[in-house]
Amino acid sequence: MIEYEWSIQEQEVYIDEDGVECYDILNHDFADRLDQYGRYQWEELDGKAYQLVLIRRDWASDFMNQEMDYAETYRDDSGFWKLPEKFTNVNGIDTFKVPKKFHIELAKIQKGLDKQV
């Protein structure tokens, strides 16, 4: 069974011994829909220690064998949050296409937040 959910990840960012920026995930705040987060958390996403991701879970026959792929949001040149075209697995390899409905959901929630200002 395939399942999708949004998550705001609280991250600890650090530079490793090779000078590469890395992060550890400290906490997840999961939601089925973006409108469950509210305005406060959207404003906080600009901070480097937070990342909005869409998670794709492929549940195998038991809980411990689930596979997860991530689609990390990013800001485009106009300042809007976007999703990549494909999910990425833990090895950094592109996997499955991100369904269009999640691109639409992300765009709609941002338009609604702009109207609240």
Protein backbone atom coordinates (compact mmCIF):
# COMPACT_ATOMS: atom_id res chain seq x y z
CA MET A 1 0.00 0.00 0.00
CA ILE A 2 1.28 3.46 -0.94
CA GLU A 3 0.67 6.32 1.51
CA TYR A 4 1.59 10.01 1.29
CA GLU A 5 1.96 12.53 4.11
CA TRP A 6 3.46 15.94 4.68
CA SER A 7 6.07 16.54 7.35
CA ILE A 8 7.82 19.56 8.72
CA GLN A 9 11.21 18.28 9.79
CA GLU A 10 13.13 20.06 12.51
CA GLN A 11 16.77 19.71 11.56
CA GLU A 12 20.14 20.22 13.19
CA VAL A 13 22.49 21.55 10.52
CA TYR A 14 26.25 21.02 10.79
CA ILE A 15 29.39 20.97 8.66
CA ASP A 16 31.17 17.60 8.48
CA GLU A 17 34.94 17.00 8.46
CA ASP A 18 35.01 17.41 4.64
CA GLY A 19 33.31 20.80 4.83
CA VAL A 20 29.98 19.49 3.53
CA GLU A 21 26.76 20.86 5.01
CA CYS A 22 24.75 17.99 6.54
CA TYR A 23 21.76 17.65 8.82
CA ASP A 24 20.19 15.31 11.31
CA ILE A 25 16.42 15.13 11.65
CA LEU A 26 15.42 15.93 15.23
CA ASN A 27 11.64 15.84 14.96
CA HIS A 28 8.75 15.31 12.52
CA ASP A 29 5.41 17.07 12.55
CA PHE A 30 3.19 14.94 10.26
CA ALA A 31 -0.05 16.01 8.57
CA ASP A 32 -2.32 14.58 5.90
CA ARG A 33 -3.00 18.03 4.42
CA LEU A 34 -0.99 21.23 4.32
CA ASP A 35 -3.85 23.32 5.72
CA GLN A 36 -3.45 21.43 9.01
CA TYR A 37 -0.19 23.30 9.70
CA GLY A 38 -1.53 26.84 9.86
CA ARG A 39 0.24 30.11 9.18
CA TYR A 40 2.69 30.04 12.10
CA GLN A 41 4.58 27.01 10.88
CA TRP A 42 4.68 28.28 7.32
CA GLU A 43 6.42 31.46 8.45
CA GLU A 44 8.93 29.38 10.42
CA LEU A 45 9.86 27.37 7.33
CA ASP A 46 12.14 30.17 6.17
CA GLY A 47 14.51 29.23 8.99
CA LYS A 48 17.32 26.91 7.98
CA ALA A 49 16.46 24.42 10.72
CA TYR A 50 13.04 23.50 9.21
CA GLN A 51 12.21 21.65 6.00
CA LEU A 52 8.81 20.85 4.52
CA VAL A 53 8.80 17.44 2.85
CA LEU A 54 6.28 15.16 1.21
CA ILE A 55 6.85 11.55 2.22
CA ARG A 56 5.89 8.56 0.09
CA ARG A 57 5.67 5.33 2.07
CA ASP A 58 5.49 1.93 0.44
CA TRP A 59 4.26 -0.36 3.19
CA ALA A 60 5.47 -3.92 2.68
CA SER A 61 3.86 -6.91 4.34
CA ASP A 62 5.01 -5.75 7.77
CA PHE A 63 5.74 -2.41 9.44
CA MET A 64 9.52 -2.84 9.68
CA ASN A 65 9.99 -3.31 5.93
CA GLN A 66 8.49 -0.03 4.78
CA GLU A 67 10.33 1.98 2.15
CA MET A 68 10.21 5.77 2.26
CA ASP A 69 11.00 8.32 -0.42
CA TYR A 70 11.14 12.07 0.17
CA ALA A 71 10.31 15.16 -1.89
CA GLU A 72 11.92 18.19 -0.21
CA THR A 73 10.41 21.55 -1.00
CA TYR A 74 12.55 24.43 -2.23
CA ARG A 75 12.02 28.10 -3.02
CA ASP A 76 11.94 29.22 -6.63
CA ASP A 77 13.23 32.62 -7.84
CA SER A 78 9.88 34.29 -7.05
CA GLY A 79 9.94 33.06 -3.43
CA PHE A 80 7.26 30.36 -3.73
CA TRP A 81 7.72 26.88 -2.31
CA LYS A 82 7.90 24.15 -4.94
CA LEU A 83 8.12 20.36 -4.99
CA PRO A 84 10.59 18.53 -7.21
CA GLU A 85 9.26 16.39 -10.04
CA LYS A 86 10.43 13.15 -8.39
CA PHE A 87 10.87 11.70 -4.93
CA THR A 88 14.38 10.81 -3.73
CA ASN A 89 15.31 7.76 -1.68
CA VAL A 90 17.75 7.67 1.27
CA ASN A 91 20.62 7.07 -1.18
CA GLY A 92 19.86 10.31 -3.04
CA ILE A 93 18.51 8.53 -6.11
CA ASP A 94 15.40 9.86 -7.88
CA THR A 95 12.60 7.33 -7.69
CA PHE A 96 8.88 7.95 -8.29
CA LYS A 97 7.10 10.92 -9.83
CA VAL A 98 5.44 13.29 -7.32
CA PRO A 99 1.68 13.19 -8.06
CA LYS A 100 0.34 16.42 -9.56
CA LYS A 101 -2.28 16.82 -6.81
CA PHE A 102 0.51 17.61 -4.29
CA HIS A 103 1.99 20.32 -6.53
CA ILE A 104 -1.51 21.81 -6.76
CA GLU A 105 -2.07 21.57 -2.99
CA LEU A 106 1.22 23.36 -2.29
CA ALA A 107 0.41 26.15 -4.77
CA LYS A 108 -3.15 26.62 -3.43
CA ILE A 109 -2.13 26.82 0.22
CA GLN A 110 0.43 29.51 -0.57
CA LYS A 111 -2.09 31.61 -2.50
CA GLY A 112 -4.44 31.38 0.48
CA LEU A 113 -1.72 32.47 2.88
CA ASP A 114 -0.87 35.47 0.70
CA LYS A 115 -4.50 36.63 1.04
CA GLN A 116 -4.28 36.48 4.85
CA VAL A 117 -1.50 39.09 5.02
